[in-house]
Protein backbone atom coordinates (compact mmCIF):
# COMPACT_ATOMS: atom_id res chain seq x y z
CA MET A 1 9.16 -17.90 -12.88
CA VAL A 2 7.40 -16.85 -9.70
CA ASN A 3 4.90 -19.04 -7.87
CA LEU A 4 3.75 -17.72 -4.50
CA ALA A 5 1.88 -20.83 -3.33
CA GLN A 6 4.90 -23.08 -3.91
CA GLU A 7 7.41 -20.33 -3.02
CA ILE A 8 9.25 -20.66 -6.31
CA GLY A 9 11.31 -17.58 -7.20
CA VAL A 10 10.36 -15.92 -3.90
CA ILE A 11 11.07 -16.16 -0.21
CA GLN A 12 8.50 -15.23 2.42
CA ASP A 13 9.47 -12.47 4.86
CA ARG A 14 8.20 -13.94 8.11
CA THR A 15 9.13 -10.77 10.05
CA ALA A 16 6.82 -8.50 8.03
CA ARG A 17 3.54 -7.09 9.38
CA SER A 18 1.64 -8.35 6.33
CA LEU A 19 2.02 -11.46 4.19
CA SER A 20 5.15 -10.55 2.21
CA TYR A 21 7.46 -12.16 -0.29
CA TYR A 22 10.80 -11.05 -1.74
CA CYS A 23 11.75 -12.09 -5.26
CA THR A 24 14.87 -14.21 -5.54
CA GLU A 25 15.13 -13.82 -9.32
CA ASP A 26 16.78 -10.90 -11.15
CA ILE A 27 14.11 -10.89 -13.84
CA VAL A 28 10.50 -10.81 -12.68
CA GLY A 29 7.40 -10.57 -14.86
CA ILE A 30 4.17 -9.46 -13.24
CA ASP A 31 0.96 -10.37 -15.03
CA ASP A 32 -2.64 -11.24 -14.17
CA GLY A 33 -1.48 -14.71 -13.08
CA ILE A 34 0.74 -13.26 -10.34
CA VAL A 35 -2.06 -10.93 -9.24
CA GLU A 36 -4.37 -13.96 -9.00
CA GLN A 37 -1.74 -15.82 -6.95
CA LEU A 38 -1.53 -12.86 -4.58
CA LEU A 39 -5.32 -12.93 -4.18
CA GLN A 40 -5.27 -16.70 -3.59
CA VAL A 41 -2.58 -16.64 -0.88
CA SER A 42 -4.39 -13.73 0.77
CA THR A 43 -7.70 -15.61 0.71
CA LYS A 44 -6.06 -18.69 2.26
CA ASN A 45 -4.79 -16.42 5.04
CA ASP A 46 -8.14 -14.89 6.06
CA HIS A 47 -8.07 -12.16 3.40
CA CYS A 48 -4.99 -10.52 4.85
CA ASP A 49 -3.04 -7.78 3.11
CA ALA A 50 -0.28 -9.24 0.96
CA ARG A 51 2.66 -8.07 -1.11
CA ILE A 52 5.30 -9.33 -3.44
CA CYS A 53 8.45 -7.23 -3.37
CA LEU A 54 10.20 -7.10 -6.71
CA HIS A 55 13.46 -6.13 -5.01
CA SER A 56 15.52 -8.76 -3.23
CA GLY A 57 15.48 -7.43 0.33
CA PRO A 58 14.94 -4.53 2.73
CA ASP A 59 18.43 -3.10 2.19
CA ASP A 60 17.98 -2.49 -1.54
CA SER A 61 18.24 1.15 -2.58
CA PHE A 62 15.07 1.07 -4.69
CA HIS A 63 11.87 -0.69 -3.63
CA GLU A 64 9.02 -1.88 -5.81
CA ALA A 65 6.14 -4.00 -4.58
CA ILE A 66 2.83 -5.32 -5.84
CA ILE A 67 0.49 -4.71 -2.90
CA LEU A 68 -2.97 -6.11 -2.18
CA GLN A 69 -5.04 -4.19 0.36
CA TYR A 70 -8.67 -4.48 1.49
CA ARG A 71 -11.32 -1.83 2.00
CA LYS A 72 -12.11 -3.20 5.45
CA HIS A 73 -8.63 -2.30 6.79
CA TYR A 74 -7.39 1.04 8.14
CA TYR A 75 -4.13 2.42 6.78
CA ARG A 76 -2.97 5.16 9.12
CA PRO A 77 -1.59 8.32 7.53
CA HIS A 78 2.18 8.42 7.68
CA ILE A 79 5.28 10.03 6.29
CA HIS A 80 8.52 8.45 5.10
CA PRO A 81 11.36 10.75 6.13
CA ASN A 82 13.26 11.86 3.03
CA LYS A 83 11.28 9.59 0.69
CA GLY A 84 8.56 10.06 -1.90
CA GLU A 85 6.21 7.31 -3.02
CA SER A 86 4.38 6.44 -6.24
CA CYS A 87 1.40 4.14 -6.75
CA HIS A 88 0.24 2.67 -10.05
CA ILE A 89 -3.12 0.90 -9.84
CA ILE A 90 -3.30 -2.59 -11.33
CA ARG A 91 -6.77 -3.68 -10.20
CA GLY A 92 -9.50 -1.95 -8.24
CA LYS A 93 -9.82 1.63 -7.13
CA LEU A 94 -8.44 3.60 -4.20
CA CYS A 95 -8.48 7.09 -2.82
CA PHE A 96 -5.01 8.55 -2.26
CA PHE A 97 -4.80 11.36 0.32
CA VAL A 98 -1.98 13.83 0.96
CA PHE A 99 -2.10 15.93 4.15
CA ASN A 100 -0.63 19.16 5.46
CA ASP A 101 1.33 19.03 8.71
CA ASP A 102 -1.80 19.95 10.71
CA GLY A 103 -3.81 17.03 9.26
CA THR A 104 -5.90 19.01 6.79
CA VAL A 105 -6.26 17.38 3.40
CA ALA A 106 -3.89 18.97 0.87
CA ASP A 107 -4.94 16.73 -2.03
CA LYS A 108 -7.08 13.69 -2.70
CA ARG A 109 -7.53 11.58 -5.79
CA VAL A 110 -9.56 8.52 -6.61
CA VAL A 111 -7.38 6.44 -8.90
CA GLY A 112 -7.97 3.24 -10.82
CA GLU A 113 -10.54 1.59 -13.06
CA SER A 114 -10.43 3.92 -16.09
CA ASP A 115 -9.66 7.06 -14.05
CA SER A 116 -6.08 8.19 -13.66
CA VAL A 117 -4.13 5.13 -12.58
CA MET A 118 -1.04 6.63 -10.97
CA TYR A 119 -0.37 8.98 -8.09
CA ARG A 120 2.73 10.27 -6.32
CA ALA A 121 3.28 11.86 -2.92
CA GLY A 122 6.49 13.86 -2.83
CA VAL A 123 9.29 13.72 -0.29
CA ASP A 124 8.23 14.19 3.34
CA ARG A 125 4.48 14.37 2.62
CA TRP A 126 1.87 12.84 4.94
CA HIS A 127 -0.26 10.40 2.97
CA THR A 128 -2.55 7.40 3.12
CA VAL A 129 -4.67 5.25 0.86
CA ILE A 130 -8.21 3.99 1.31
CA PRO A 131 -9.39 1.23 -1.03
CA VAL A 132 -12.74 2.17 -2.58
CA THR A 133 -13.41 -1.26 -4.09
CA ASP A 134 -13.44 -4.42 -1.93
CA PHE A 135 -9.74 -4.76 -2.62
CA VAL A 136 -7.09 -2.97 -4.62
CA VAL A 137 -3.84 -4.18 -6.13
CA TYR A 138 -1.20 -1.60 -6.92
CA HIS A 139 2.46 -1.21 -7.79
CA GLU A 140 4.30 0.93 -5.24
CA SER A 141 7.73 2.46 -5.90
CA LYS A 142 9.94 4.34 -3.46
CA PRO A 143 13.55 4.64 -2.36
CA GLY A 144 15.03 2.12 0.04
CA PRO A 145 16.34 0.91 2.31
CA TYR A 146 13.48 -0.14 4.56
CA LEU A 147 14.26 1.20 8.04
CA ARG A 148 11.76 -0.89 10.06
CA ASN A 149 10.39 1.26 12.92
CA ARG A 150 12.01 4.42 11.50
CA ASP A 151 10.66 4.06 7.96
CA SER A 152 7.20 5.48 8.71
CA VAL A 153 6.34 8.22 11.16
CA PHE A 154 2.72 8.57 12.28
CA PRO A 155 1.00 11.87 13.09
CA HIS A 156 -0.76 12.76 16.33
CA TRP A 157 -3.83 14.00 14.42
CA ALA A 158 -4.82 10.61 12.95
CA PRO A 159 -6.17 7.73 15.02
CA ASP A 160 -4.01 4.70 15.58
CA SER A 161 -5.58 1.35 14.80
CA LEU A 162 -6.32 0.40 18.41
CA ASP A 163 -9.94 1.57 18.27
CA PRO A 164 -11.59 0.11 15.14
CA LYS A 165 -14.68 2.34 15.48
CA GLU A 166 -12.58 5.50 15.67
CA SER A 167 -10.51 4.35 12.70
CA ARG A 168 -13.67 3.63 10.68
CA ARG A 169 -15.14 7.06 11.51
CA TYR A 170 -11.92 8.73 10.35
CA MET A 171 -11.88 6.73 7.09
CA ASP A 172 -15.55 7.55 6.46
CA HIS A 173 -14.82 11.25 7.09
CA LEU A 174 -11.97 11.21 4.54
CA LEU A 175 -14.05 9.35 1.95
CA ALA A 176 -16.89 11.88 2.42
CA LEU A 177 -14.42 14.67 1.68
CA ALA A 178 -13.34 12.86 -1.46
CA GLU A 179 -16.95 12.39 -2.61
CA ASP A 180 -17.86 16.00 -1.92
CA GLY A 181 -14.85 17.22 -3.85
CA LYS A 182 -13.86 19.44 -0.91
């Protein structure tokens, strides 16, 4: 049994950039109760992004996580060298973008809430997500291990998160492209 608030069946990764837990059990069931717990611990921590990793640690060869992200945050496009990534929406709606090497949008899909609920970016593809609803919870799957600073590479053509206004303009531009169907 997993309980995030009491840290039963999980251990918090205090080195992670977001509120993160690793499962300590071999058998893990994810249901609406766990999703609610993720929302509760996020709310208690100023509505921060949060995740529960279903694998036991960063060195595992296959990674699965239940991830909670908010519309108000910017998620910079990135690539995982030699890794693909799949997302299965559990709650909410997000726009998944895949980019060409020059930063042009190669594909975009709004997924979740009765639309298609899964999306995959292949190996070595630039990608990002933008939550469309206030928050989104999704199941992410990709190969491990987690390589810390070498796991994600960021492009020169997308803003970093240092200037919130620039980041917001870029997100709004991408969402406009998704709405226009271009």
